[in-house]
Amino acid sequence: MSAPRVVVLDYGSGNVHSATKALERAGADVSLTSDRRAALDADGLVVPGVGAYAAVMDALRAARADEIIDRRLAGGRHVLGICVGLQVLFERGVEGGADTEGLGEWPGSVTRLDAPVLPHIGWNTVEAPEDSVLFDGISDERFYFVHSYAAQTWKLDVMPPFPQPRITWAEHGSRFIAAAENGPLAATQFHPEKSGDAGIRLLRNWIDSLQ
């Protein structure tokens, strides 16, 4: 069986090369591209994000990545967001005095963490649900975070027959969403590509779900 084809969306965000290498280590056939057709046709699409919420949203819209993500999800095709790539999936981000409209795939806002030390930099544990696909076999591991803002509530109410989203939490001053799995759409607040063997295993779990 050939390796799943994964596109890392190259829209001007910062951590694309490390994400590409990590996905290759995890067993994917990876392309780093901004090509719309490649992004739509791939088995999986990874949307990285580094920096300010508003800047990431501007870059996504300039590359028409919002349309690509919408079209993939409408067809039940997998998308994985990383760091600010998770945050922009929510309705809005409130950061540095700016209130920015997000992609709106999930309800709720991204706001500043209530913590004595920010940014939250370093390794942290997570609380993953037992049926998590991403954290299968690695729920007790630590993952690498770099952020000051986060989604701190989950508001999406899914009705049967659709499966309930799987939400993973972490804590730094206050509780926040460390990862979310909602049908074909998944995302992590931490950086799996910087999280050592546990991060590679998480990416492998995601890649395996594409087949």
N, C-alpha and C. Protein backbone atom coordinates (compact mmCIF):
# COMPACT_ATOMS: atom_id res chain seq x y z
N MET A 1 0.85 -1.19 0.00
CA MET A 1 0.00 0.00 0.00
C MET A 1 0.89 1.25 0.00
N SER A 2 0.57 2.19 -0.88
CA SER A 2 1.38 3.40 -0.96
C SER A 2 1.10 4.31 0.22
N ALA A 3 2.07 5.14 0.55
CA ALA A 3 1.92 6.07 1.67
C ALA A 3 0.86 7.11 1.34
N PRO A 4 0.06 7.50 2.34
CA PRO A 4 -0.93 8.56 2.11
C PRO A 4 -0.25 9.85 1.67
N ARG A 5 -0.89 10.56 0.76
CA ARG A 5 -0.37 11.83 0.26
C ARG A 5 -0.86 12.96 1.16
N VAL A 6 0.08 13.68 1.72
CA VAL A 6 -0.25 14.79 2.63
C VAL A 6 0.36 16.08 2.08
N VAL A 7 -0.44 17.12 2.02
CA VAL A 7 0.05 18.45 1.65
C VAL A 7 0.15 19.30 2.91
N VAL A 8 1.33 19.90 3.12
CA VAL A 8 1.48 20.95 4.12
C VAL A 8 1.26 22.26 3.38
N LEU A 9 0.25 23.00 3.80
CA LEU A 9 -0.14 24.20 3.08
C LEU A 9 0.88 25.31 3.30
N ASP A 10 1.48 25.74 2.22
CA ASP A 10 2.52 26.77 2.26
C ASP A 10 1.88 28.12 1.93
N TYR A 11 1.45 28.83 2.98
CA TYR A 11 0.78 30.12 2.75
C TYR A 11 1.54 31.26 3.43
N GLY A 12 2.79 30.99 3.86
CA GLY A 12 3.61 32.03 4.46
C GLY A 12 3.78 31.89 5.95
N SER A 13 3.31 30.78 6.55
CA SER A 13 3.49 30.57 7.98
C SER A 13 4.87 29.98 8.24
N GLY A 14 5.26 29.98 9.54
CA GLY A 14 6.67 29.78 9.86
C GLY A 14 7.22 28.38 10.01
N ASN A 15 6.45 27.41 10.50
CA ASN A 15 7.05 26.13 10.89
C ASN A 15 6.86 25.04 9.84
N VAL A 16 6.76 25.44 8.57
CA VAL A 16 6.37 24.48 7.54
C VAL A 16 7.42 23.40 7.29
N HIS A 17 8.70 23.73 7.34
CA HIS A 17 9.72 22.74 7.00
C HIS A 17 9.87 21.69 8.09
N SER A 18 9.80 22.09 9.35
CA SER A 18 9.88 21.10 10.42
C SER A 18 8.65 20.20 10.42
N ALA A 19 7.49 20.77 10.10
CA ALA A 19 6.28 19.95 10.01
C ALA A 19 6.39 18.95 8.86
N THR A 20 6.93 19.39 7.73
CA THR A 20 7.09 18.51 6.58
C THR A 20 8.01 17.33 6.92
N LYS A 21 9.13 17.62 7.56
CA LYS A 21 10.07 16.55 7.92
C LYS A 21 9.45 15.57 8.91
N ALA A 22 8.70 16.10 9.88
CA ALA A 22 8.08 15.22 10.87
C ALA A 22 7.04 14.31 10.23
N LEU A 23 6.26 14.84 9.31
CA LEU A 23 5.26 14.02 8.62
C LEU A 23 5.92 12.95 7.76
N GLU A 24 7.05 13.27 7.15
CA GLU A 24 7.79 12.26 6.39
C GLU A 24 8.27 11.16 7.31
N ARG A 25 8.80 11.53 8.48
CA ARG A 25 9.23 10.53 9.46
C ARG A 25 8.07 9.66 9.91
N ALA A 26 6.88 10.25 9.95
CA ALA A 26 5.70 9.50 10.40
C ALA A 26 5.12 8.61 9.31
N GLY A 27 5.65 8.71 8.08
CA GLY A 27 5.26 7.76 7.04
C GLY A 27 4.42 8.30 5.92
N ALA A 28 4.28 9.63 5.82
CA ALA A 28 3.48 10.20 4.74
C ALA A 28 4.34 10.55 3.53
N ASP A 29 3.69 10.61 2.39
CA ASP A 29 4.29 11.16 1.16
C ASP A 29 3.91 12.63 1.15
N VAL A 30 4.87 13.51 1.48
CA VAL A 30 4.55 14.90 1.82
C VAL A 30 4.97 15.87 0.72
N SER A 31 4.09 16.84 0.45
CA SER A 31 4.42 17.96 -0.43
C SER A 31 4.18 19.25 0.35
N LEU A 32 5.10 20.20 0.20
CA LEU A 32 4.93 21.53 0.75
C LEU A 32 4.58 22.45 -0.42
N THR A 33 3.34 22.93 -0.45
CA THR A 33 2.90 23.67 -1.63
C THR A 33 1.74 24.59 -1.29
N SER A 34 1.55 25.61 -2.11
CA SER A 34 0.38 26.47 -2.03
C SER A 34 -0.59 26.16 -3.17
N ASP A 35 -0.29 25.11 -3.95
CA ASP A 35 -1.11 24.78 -5.12
C ASP A 35 -2.50 24.30 -4.68
N ARG A 36 -3.51 24.98 -5.18
CA ARG A 36 -4.89 24.70 -4.77
C ARG A 36 -5.32 23.28 -5.12
N ARG A 37 -5.02 22.84 -6.32
CA ARG A 37 -5.46 21.50 -6.74
C ARG A 37 -4.78 20.42 -5.90
N ALA A 38 -3.50 20.57 -5.64
CA ALA A 38 -2.79 19.59 -4.81
C ALA A 38 -3.37 19.55 -3.40
N ALA A 39 -3.69 20.73 -2.85
CA ALA A 39 -4.26 20.79 -1.51
C ALA A 39 -5.64 20.16 -1.44
N LEU A 40 -6.41 20.29 -2.50
CA LEU A 40 -7.75 19.70 -2.53
C LEU A 40 -7.70 18.19 -2.74
N ASP A 41 -6.74 17.72 -3.52
CA ASP A 41 -6.71 16.31 -3.90
C ASP A 41 -5.97 15.40 -2.92
N ALA A 42 -5.15 15.96 -2.05
CA ALA A 42 -4.34 15.14 -1.14
C ALA A 42 -5.22 14.34 -0.19
N ASP A 43 -4.67 13.24 0.31
CA ASP A 43 -5.40 12.45 1.31
C ASP A 43 -5.58 13.24 2.61
N GLY A 44 -4.58 14.04 2.96
CA GLY A 44 -4.65 14.86 4.17
C GLY A 44 -4.03 16.22 3.92
N LEU A 45 -4.59 17.25 4.56
CA LEU A 45 -4.06 18.61 4.45
C LEU A 45 -3.66 19.08 5.85
N VAL A 46 -2.43 19.58 5.98
CA VAL A 46 -1.96 20.12 7.25
C VAL A 46 -1.86 21.64 7.12
N VAL A 47 -2.47 22.33 8.11
CA VAL A 47 -2.47 23.79 8.13
C VAL A 47 -1.68 24.24 9.34
N PRO A 48 -0.39 24.59 9.15
CA PRO A 48 0.41 25.07 10.27
C PRO A 48 0.08 26.54 10.56
N GLY A 49 0.55 27.04 11.69
CA GLY A 49 0.33 28.44 11.99
C GLY A 49 1.25 28.91 13.10
N VAL A 50 1.96 29.99 12.85
CA VAL A 50 2.87 30.58 13.84
C VAL A 50 2.68 32.09 13.80
N GLY A 51 2.63 32.72 14.98
CA GLY A 51 2.55 34.17 15.03
C GLY A 51 1.20 34.66 15.51
N ALA A 52 0.87 35.88 15.16
CA ALA A 52 -0.36 36.51 15.62
C ALA A 52 -1.55 35.97 14.84
N TYR A 53 -2.67 35.83 15.53
CA TYR A 53 -3.92 35.32 14.95
C TYR A 53 -4.31 36.12 13.71
N ALA A 54 -4.32 37.45 13.82
CA ALA A 54 -4.76 38.30 12.71
C ALA A 54 -3.86 38.13 11.49
N ALA A 55 -2.55 38.03 11.71
CA ALA A 55 -1.61 37.88 10.59
C ALA A 55 -1.81 36.53 9.91
N VAL A 56 -2.04 35.49 10.69
CA VAL A 56 -2.27 34.17 10.10
C VAL A 56 -3.56 34.17 9.29
N MET A 57 -4.62 34.78 9.83
CA MET A 57 -5.87 34.85 9.08
C MET A 57 -5.71 35.63 7.78
N ASP A 58 -4.98 36.75 7.82
CA ASP A 58 -4.75 37.52 6.61
C ASP A 58 -4.04 36.68 5.55
N ALA A 59 -3.02 35.93 5.98
CA ALA A 59 -2.25 35.11 5.05
C ALA A 59 -3.10 33.97 4.49
N LEU A 60 -3.92 33.34 5.34
CA LEU A 60 -4.81 32.27 4.89
C LEU A 60 -5.79 32.78 3.83
N ARG A 61 -6.38 33.92 4.10
CA ARG A 61 -7.37 34.44 3.15
C ARG A 61 -6.71 34.89 1.85
N ALA A 62 -5.51 35.46 1.95
CA ALA A 62 -4.79 35.88 0.74
C ALA A 62 -4.49 34.68 -0.16
N ALA A 63 -4.24 33.53 0.46
CA ALA A 63 -3.96 32.31 -0.30
C ALA A 63 -5.23 31.52 -0.63
N ARG A 64 -6.40 32.07 -0.25
CA ARG A 64 -7.70 31.41 -0.42
C ARG A 64 -7.73 30.05 0.27
N ALA A 65 -6.95 29.95 1.34
CA ALA A 65 -6.91 28.69 2.07
C ALA A 65 -8.21 28.42 2.80
N ASP A 66 -8.94 29.48 3.15
CA ASP A 66 -10.24 29.29 3.80
C ASP A 66 -11.18 28.50 2.89
N GLU A 67 -11.14 28.79 1.59
CA GLU A 67 -11.98 28.07 0.63
C GLU A 67 -11.53 26.61 0.50
N ILE A 68 -10.23 26.40 0.49
CA ILE A 68 -9.70 25.04 0.38
C ILE A 68 -10.13 24.20 1.58
N ILE A 69 -10.00 24.75 2.77
CA ILE A 69 -10.39 24.03 3.98
C ILE A 69 -11.88 23.71 3.96
N ASP A 70 -12.70 24.70 3.60
CA ASP A 70 -14.15 24.49 3.53
C ASP A 70 -14.51 23.38 2.55
N ARG A 71 -13.91 23.41 1.38
CA ARG A 71 -14.24 22.41 0.36
C ARG A 71 -13.82 21.02 0.80
N ARG A 72 -12.65 20.92 1.42
CA ARG A 72 -12.21 19.59 1.89
C ARG A 72 -13.18 19.05 2.95
N LEU A 73 -13.53 19.88 3.90
CA LEU A 73 -14.40 19.42 4.99
C LEU A 73 -15.79 19.08 4.48
N ALA A 74 -16.28 19.84 3.51
CA ALA A 74 -17.59 19.55 2.93
C ALA A 74 -17.61 18.18 2.28
N GLY A 75 -16.45 17.74 1.79
CA GLY A 75 -16.33 16.43 1.18
C GLY A 75 -15.86 15.34 2.13
N GLY A 76 -15.78 15.66 3.42
CA GLY A 76 -15.34 14.69 4.42
C GLY A 76 -13.86 14.34 4.33
N ARG A 77 -13.05 15.29 3.82
CA ARG A 77 -11.62 15.02 3.62
C ARG A 77 -10.82 15.65 4.76
N HIS A 78 -9.80 14.93 5.21
CA HIS A 78 -9.12 15.25 6.46
C HIS A 78 -8.27 16.51 6.40
N VAL A 79 -8.35 17.29 7.49
CA VAL A 79 -7.55 18.50 7.69
C VAL A 79 -7.00 18.46 9.11
N LEU A 80 -5.72 18.81 9.26
CA LEU A 80 -5.08 18.89 10.58
C LEU A 80 -4.48 20.27 10.76
N GLY A 81 -4.93 21.00 11.78
CA GLY A 81 -4.36 22.31 12.12
C GLY A 81 -3.34 22.19 13.24
N ILE A 82 -2.30 23.02 13.20
CA ILE A 82 -1.25 22.99 14.21
C ILE A 82 -1.05 24.39 14.78
N CYS A 83 -1.06 24.51 16.11
CA CYS A 83 -0.81 25.75 16.85
C CYS A 83 -1.83 26.82 16.46
N VAL A 84 -1.41 27.93 15.85
CA VAL A 84 -2.39 28.92 15.42
C VAL A 84 -3.30 28.33 14.34
N GLY A 85 -2.85 27.26 13.71
CA GLY A 85 -3.70 26.51 12.78
C GLY A 85 -4.88 25.87 13.48
N LEU A 86 -4.81 25.63 14.77
CA LEU A 86 -5.98 25.25 15.57
C LEU A 86 -6.80 26.49 15.91
N GLN A 87 -6.15 27.54 16.35
CA GLN A 87 -6.87 28.70 16.85
C GLN A 87 -7.77 29.33 15.80
N VAL A 88 -7.31 29.40 14.55
CA VAL A 88 -8.09 30.07 13.50
C VAL A 88 -9.32 29.26 13.09
N LEU A 89 -9.44 28.02 13.55
CA LEU A 89 -10.63 27.23 13.25
C LEU A 89 -11.84 27.70 14.04
N PHE A 90 -11.59 28.47 15.10
CA PHE A 90 -12.69 29.01 15.91
C PHE A 90 -13.24 30.28 15.27
N GLU A 91 -14.35 30.78 15.84
CA GLU A 91 -15.04 31.92 15.24
C GLU A 91 -14.22 33.20 15.26
N ARG A 92 -13.45 33.40 16.36
CA ARG A 92 -12.69 34.64 16.43
C ARG A 92 -11.52 34.51 17.39
N GLY A 93 -10.57 35.42 17.22
CA GLY A 93 -9.43 35.50 18.11
C GLY A 93 -9.32 36.92 18.65
N VAL A 94 -9.16 37.03 19.96
CA VAL A 94 -9.01 38.34 20.60
C VAL A 94 -7.58 38.40 21.11
N GLU A 95 -6.76 39.20 20.43
CA GLU A 95 -5.32 39.17 20.71
C GLU A 95 -4.73 40.57 20.53
N GLY A 96 -4.06 41.06 21.58
CA GLY A 96 -3.38 42.34 21.50
C GLY A 96 -4.27 43.50 21.12
N GLY A 97 -5.52 43.48 21.60
CA GLY A 97 -6.44 44.56 21.30
C GLY A 97 -7.20 44.37 19.99
N ALA A 98 -6.83 43.37 19.22
CA ALA A 98 -7.51 43.10 17.94
C ALA A 98 -8.52 41.96 18.12
N ASP A 99 -9.70 42.15 17.56
CA ASP A 99 -10.74 41.12 17.55
C ASP A 99 -10.91 40.69 16.10
N THR A 100 -10.41 39.49 15.78
CA THR A 100 -10.30 39.05 14.38
C THR A 100 -11.24 37.89 14.11
N GLU A 101 -11.96 37.98 13.01
CA GLU A 101 -12.84 36.88 12.60
C GLU A 101 -12.00 35.71 12.12
N GLY A 102 -12.33 34.51 12.64
CA GLY A 102 -11.62 33.30 12.24
C GLY A 102 -12.35 32.55 11.14
N LEU A 103 -11.98 31.28 10.96
CA LEU A 103 -12.59 30.47 9.92
C LEU A 103 -13.99 30.00 10.29
N GLY A 104 -14.29 29.96 11.59
CA GLY A 104 -15.64 29.65 12.03
C GLY A 104 -16.06 28.20 11.88
N GLU A 105 -15.10 27.29 11.79
CA GLU A 105 -15.45 25.87 11.74
C GLU A 105 -15.98 25.39 13.10
N TRP A 106 -15.51 26.01 14.17
CA TRP A 106 -15.98 25.70 15.52
C TRP A 106 -16.43 26.99 16.20
N PRO A 107 -17.49 26.95 17.02
CA PRO A 107 -17.91 28.14 17.76
C PRO A 107 -16.94 28.47 18.88
N GLY A 108 -16.90 29.76 19.25
CA GLY A 108 -16.08 30.17 20.38
C GLY A 108 -14.93 31.07 19.98
N SER A 109 -14.26 31.59 21.00
CA SER A 109 -13.18 32.56 20.80
C SER A 109 -11.87 32.05 21.38
N VAL A 110 -10.79 32.55 20.82
CA VAL A 110 -9.44 32.31 21.34
C VAL A 110 -9.04 33.56 22.11
N THR A 111 -8.66 33.38 23.37
CA THR A 111 -8.35 34.51 24.25
C THR A 111 -7.06 34.24 25.02
N ARG A 112 -6.58 35.28 25.69
CA ARG A 112 -5.32 35.20 26.44
C ARG A 112 -5.48 34.27 27.64
N LEU A 113 -4.48 33.42 27.84
CA LEU A 113 -4.48 32.55 29.00
C LEU A 113 -4.34 33.36 30.28
N ASP A 114 -5.04 32.93 31.32
CA ASP A 114 -4.92 33.55 32.64
C ASP A 114 -3.85 32.77 33.41
N ALA A 115 -2.60 33.19 33.24
CA ALA A 115 -1.47 32.46 33.83
C ALA A 115 -0.43 33.45 34.32
N PRO A 116 0.31 33.10 35.39
CA PRO A 116 1.31 34.02 35.93
C PRO A 116 2.50 34.23 35.00
N VAL A 117 2.79 33.25 34.15
CA VAL A 117 3.91 33.34 33.22
C VAL A 117 3.41 33.08 31.81
N LEU A 118 3.65 34.03 30.93
CA LEU A 118 3.32 33.88 29.51
C LEU A 118 4.49 34.40 28.68
N PRO A 119 4.75 33.82 27.54
CA PRO A 119 4.00 32.71 26.95
C PRO A 119 4.22 31.39 27.69
N HIS A 120 3.30 30.47 27.40
CA HIS A 120 3.42 29.09 27.87
C HIS A 120 4.39 28.39 26.91
N ILE A 121 5.62 28.19 27.37
CA ILE A 121 6.64 27.57 26.53
C ILE A 121 7.17 26.33 27.23
N GLY A 122 7.14 25.20 26.52
CA GLY A 122 7.75 24.00 27.06
C GLY A 122 6.81 22.81 27.03
N TRP A 123 7.21 21.78 27.74
CA TRP A 123 6.53 20.49 27.72
C TRP A 123 5.40 20.47 28.74
N ASN A 124 4.28 19.87 28.34
CA ASN A 124 3.14 19.77 29.25
C ASN A 124 2.39 18.49 28.97
N THR A 125 1.71 18.00 30.02
CA THR A 125 0.86 16.82 29.87
C THR A 125 -0.49 17.24 29.32
N VAL A 126 -1.24 16.26 28.87
CA VAL A 126 -2.59 16.51 28.34
C VAL A 126 -3.57 15.50 28.94
N GLU A 127 -4.85 15.85 28.87
CA GLU A 127 -5.93 14.96 29.31
C GLU A 127 -6.73 14.58 28.07
N ALA A 128 -6.42 13.42 27.52
CA ALA A 128 -7.07 12.98 26.29
C ALA A 128 -8.21 12.01 26.59
N PRO A 129 -9.29 12.05 25.82
CA PRO A 129 -10.35 11.07 26.02
C PRO A 129 -9.88 9.67 25.63
N GLU A 130 -10.51 8.67 26.23
CA GLU A 130 -10.06 7.30 26.01
C GLU A 130 -10.18 6.86 24.55
N ASP A 131 -11.14 7.42 23.84
CA ASP A 131 -11.36 6.99 22.46
C ASP A 131 -10.64 7.88 21.44
N SER A 132 -9.69 8.70 21.90
CA SER A 132 -8.95 9.56 20.99
C SER A 132 -8.17 8.74 19.96
N VAL A 133 -8.26 9.17 18.71
CA VAL A 133 -7.45 8.56 17.66
C VAL A 133 -6.03 9.15 17.69
N LEU A 134 -5.94 10.47 17.82
CA LEU A 134 -4.64 11.12 17.80
C LEU A 134 -3.72 10.62 18.92
N PHE A 135 -4.29 10.43 20.10
CA PHE A 135 -3.48 10.12 21.28
C PHE A 135 -3.46 8.63 21.61
N ASP A 136 -3.85 7.80 20.66
CA ASP A 136 -3.83 6.36 20.90
C ASP A 136 -2.41 5.90 21.23
N GLY A 137 -2.23 5.37 22.44
CA GLY A 137 -0.93 4.86 22.87
C GLY A 137 0.02 5.90 23.41
N ILE A 138 -0.39 7.19 23.42
CA ILE A 138 0.53 8.25 23.87
C ILE A 138 -0.15 9.25 24.80
N SER A 139 -1.26 8.87 25.40
CA SER A 139 -2.01 9.82 26.22
C SER A 139 -1.25 10.24 27.47
N ASP A 140 -0.26 9.47 27.89
CA ASP A 140 0.52 9.82 29.08
C ASP A 140 1.79 10.60 28.75
N GLU A 141 2.01 10.90 27.49
CA GLU A 141 3.23 11.59 27.08
C GLU A 141 3.10 13.11 27.27
N ARG A 142 4.23 13.80 27.14
CA ARG A 142 4.24 15.26 27.18
C ARG A 142 4.45 15.81 25.77
N PHE A 143 3.91 17.01 25.54
CA PHE A 143 3.98 17.63 24.22
C PHE A 143 4.46 19.07 24.38
N TYR A 144 5.00 19.62 23.28
CA TYR A 144 5.69 20.91 23.34
C TYR A 144 4.78 22.05 22.89
N PHE A 145 4.58 23.00 23.80
CA PHE A 145 3.69 24.15 23.56
C PHE A 145 4.49 25.44 23.47
N VAL A 146 4.03 26.37 22.64
CA VAL A 146 4.55 27.75 22.59
C VAL A 146 3.36 28.65 22.26
N HIS A 147 2.75 29.27 23.27
CA HIS A 147 1.59 30.14 23.00
C HIS A 147 1.21 30.93 24.24
N SER A 148 0.51 32.03 24.02
CA SER A 148 -0.07 32.84 25.10
C SER A 148 -1.59 32.88 25.03
N TYR A 149 -2.14 32.45 23.91
CA TYR A 149 -3.59 32.48 23.70
C TYR A 149 -4.08 31.07 23.41
N ALA A 150 -5.35 30.82 23.71
CA ALA A 150 -5.89 29.48 23.51
C ALA A 150 -7.41 29.54 23.50
N ALA A 151 -8.03 28.50 22.96
CA ALA A 151 -9.46 28.27 23.12
C ALA A 151 -9.66 27.63 24.49
N GLN A 152 -10.48 28.25 25.32
CA GLN A 152 -10.61 27.78 26.70
C GLN A 152 -11.98 27.19 27.02
N THR A 153 -12.85 27.14 26.01
CA THR A 153 -14.15 26.47 26.15
C THR A 153 -14.45 25.73 24.86
N TRP A 154 -15.30 24.71 24.96
CA TRP A 154 -15.77 23.98 23.79
C TRP A 154 -17.28 24.07 23.74
N LYS A 155 -17.83 24.60 22.66
CA LYS A 155 -19.25 24.92 22.60
C LYS A 155 -20.01 24.16 21.52
N LEU A 156 -19.33 23.36 20.73
CA LEU A 156 -20.00 22.69 19.62
C LEU A 156 -20.86 21.54 20.12
N ASP A 157 -22.14 21.61 19.84
CA ASP A 157 -23.09 20.57 20.25
C ASP A 157 -23.44 19.74 19.02
N VAL A 158 -23.00 18.49 19.00
CA VAL A 158 -23.21 17.61 17.84
C VAL A 158 -24.36 16.65 18.14
N MET A 159 -25.29 16.57 17.24
CA MET A 159 -26.46 15.71 17.43
C MET A 159 -26.26 14.37 16.72
N PRO A 160 -26.77 13.26 17.28
CA PRO A 160 -26.72 11.97 16.60
C PRO A 160 -27.40 12.10 15.23
N PRO A 161 -26.94 11.33 14.23
CA PRO A 161 -26.01 10.20 14.33
C PRO A 161 -24.54 10.60 14.25
N PHE A 162 -24.23 11.88 14.22
CA PHE A 162 -22.83 12.29 14.11
C PHE A 162 -22.11 12.03 15.44
N PRO A 163 -20.85 11.56 15.37
CA PRO A 163 -20.11 11.25 16.60
C PRO A 163 -19.75 12.53 17.36
N GLN A 164 -19.70 12.41 18.67
CA GLN A 164 -19.30 13.53 19.50
C GLN A 164 -17.82 13.86 19.27
N PRO A 165 -17.46 15.14 19.22
CA PRO A 165 -16.05 15.50 19.11
C PRO A 165 -15.25 14.99 20.30
N ARG A 166 -13.99 14.69 20.06
CA ARG A 166 -13.08 14.27 21.12
C ARG A 166 -12.18 15.46 21.46
N ILE A 167 -12.28 15.94 22.68
CA ILE A 167 -11.55 17.14 23.08
C ILE A 167 -10.50 16.77 24.12
N THR A 168 -9.27 17.20 23.87
CA THR A 168 -8.15 16.97 24.78
C THR A 168 -7.78 18.30 25.44
N TRP A 169 -7.59 18.26 26.76
CA TRP A 169 -7.33 19.47 27.54
C TRP A 169 -5.92 19.48 28.10
N ALA A 170 -5.43 20.68 28.38
CA ALA A 170 -4.18 20.87 29.11
C ALA A 170 -4.38 22.06 30.05
N GLU A 171 -3.39 22.32 30.88
CA GLU A 171 -3.54 23.41 31.85
C GLU A 171 -2.24 24.20 31.97
N HIS A 172 -2.39 25.51 31.90
CA HIS A 172 -1.30 26.44 32.21
C HIS A 172 -1.96 27.69 32.77
N GLY A 173 -2.05 27.76 34.07
CA GLY A 173 -2.81 28.81 34.71
C GLY A 173 -4.30 28.51 34.65
N SER A 174 -4.83 28.33 33.47
CA SER A 174 -6.21 27.92 33.27
C SER A 174 -6.25 26.74 32.29
N ARG A 175 -7.37 26.05 32.27
CA ARG A 175 -7.53 24.94 31.34
C ARG A 175 -7.78 25.46 29.93
N PHE A 176 -7.23 24.76 28.96
CA PHE A 176 -7.43 25.16 27.57
C PHE A 176 -7.44 23.91 26.70
N ILE A 177 -7.92 24.08 25.49
CA ILE A 177 -8.02 22.97 24.54
C ILE A 177 -6.65 22.71 23.93
N ALA A 178 -6.13 21.51 24.19
CA ALA A 178 -4.83 21.11 23.64
C ALA A 178 -4.97 20.46 22.28
N ALA A 179 -6.13 19.85 22.02
CA ALA A 179 -6.38 19.21 20.73
C ALA A 179 -7.88 18.96 20.59
N ALA A 180 -8.33 18.90 19.35
CA ALA A 180 -9.73 18.59 19.07
C ALA A 180 -9.80 17.67 17.86
N GLU A 181 -10.69 16.70 17.94
CA GLU A 181 -10.94 15.77 16.85
C GLU A 181 -12.44 15.79 16.57
N ASN A 182 -12.81 16.27 15.40
CA ASN A 182 -14.22 16.48 15.07
C ASN A 182 -14.45 16.01 13.64
N GLY A 183 -14.76 14.72 13.47
CA GLY A 183 -14.91 14.17 12.14
C GLY A 183 -13.62 14.28 11.37
N PRO A 184 -13.65 14.82 10.14
CA PRO A 184 -12.42 14.92 9.35
C PRO A 184 -11.50 16.06 9.79
N LEU A 185 -11.97 16.90 10.71
CA LEU A 185 -11.20 18.06 11.14
C LEU A 185 -10.57 17.80 12.51
N ALA A 186 -9.25 17.92 12.56
CA ALA A 186 -8.52 17.74 13.82
C ALA A 186 -7.47 18.84 13.94
N ALA A 187 -7.05 19.13 15.17
CA ALA A 187 -6.05 20.17 15.37
C ALA A 187 -5.41 20.02 16.72
N THR A 188 -4.17 20.51 16.83
CA THR A 188 -3.45 20.51 18.11
C THR A 188 -2.94 21.92 18.39
N GLN A 189 -3.02 22.32 19.67
CA GLN A 189 -2.45 23.60 20.08
C GLN A 189 -0.93 23.50 20.19
N PHE A 190 -0.45 22.35 20.59
CA PHE A 190 1.00 22.13 20.69
C PHE A 190 1.58 21.80 19.31
N HIS A 191 2.90 21.71 19.28
CA HIS A 191 3.62 21.40 18.04
C HIS A 191 4.03 19.93 18.04
N PRO A 192 3.32 19.06 17.32
CA PRO A 192 3.76 17.67 17.27
C PRO A 192 5.14 17.53 16.64
N GLU A 193 5.48 18.41 15.69
CA GLU A 193 6.77 18.32 15.01
C GLU A 193 7.94 18.69 15.93
N LYS A 194 7.63 19.26 17.09
CA LYS A 194 8.67 19.59 18.08
C LYS A 194 8.54 18.75 19.34
N SER A 195 7.69 17.73 19.29
CA SER A 195 7.37 16.95 20.48
C SER A 195 8.01 15.58 20.50
N GLY A 196 9.14 15.44 19.80
CA GLY A 196 9.91 14.20 19.87
C GLY A 196 9.15 13.00 19.34
N ASP A 197 9.44 11.83 19.93
CA ASP A 197 8.83 10.59 19.47
C ASP A 197 7.33 10.58 19.66
N ALA A 198 6.84 11.22 20.74
CA ALA A 198 5.40 11.26 20.97
C ALA A 198 4.70 12.05 19.87
N GLY A 199 5.31 13.14 19.42
CA GLY A 199 4.73 13.92 18.34
C GLY A 199 4.70 13.16 17.03
N ILE A 200 5.76 12.40 16.75
CA ILE A 200 5.79 11.59 15.53
C ILE A 200 4.72 10.51 15.59
N ARG A 201 4.54 9.91 16.77
CA ARG A 201 3.50 8.89 16.93
C ARG A 201 2.11 9.50 16.70
N LEU A 202 1.88 10.71 17.23
CA LEU A 202 0.60 11.36 17.01
C LEU A 202 0.36 11.60 15.52
N LEU A 203 1.38 12.10 14.82
CA LEU A 203 1.23 12.31 13.38
C LEU A 203 1.00 10.99 12.65
N ARG A 204 1.66 9.94 13.11
CA ARG A 204 1.44 8.62 12.48
C ARG A 204 -0.01 8.16 12.72
N ASN A 205 -0.53 8.39 13.93
CA ASN A 205 -1.93 8.04 14.20
C ASN A 205 -2.86 8.78 13.25
N TRP A 206 -2.57 10.07 13.02
CA TRP A 206 -3.41 10.84 12.10
C TRP A 206 -3.28 10.31 10.68
N ILE A 207 -2.06 10.05 10.24
CA ILE A 207 -1.81 9.55 8.89
C ILE A 207 -2.53 8.21 8.69
N ASP A 208 -2.47 7.35 9.70
CA ASP A 208 -3.15 6.05 9.60
C ASP A 208 -4.66 6.21 9.43
N SER A 209 -5.22 7.29 10.00
CA SER A 209 -6.66 7.52 9.89
C SER A 209 -7.07 7.97 8.49
N LEU A 210 -6.10 8.32 7.64
CA LEU A 210 -6.41 8.77 6.28
C LEU A 210 -6.68 7.60 5.34
N GLN A 211 -6.28 6.41 5.73
CA GLN A 211 -6.32 5.27 4.82
C GLN A 211 -7.65 4.53 4.90
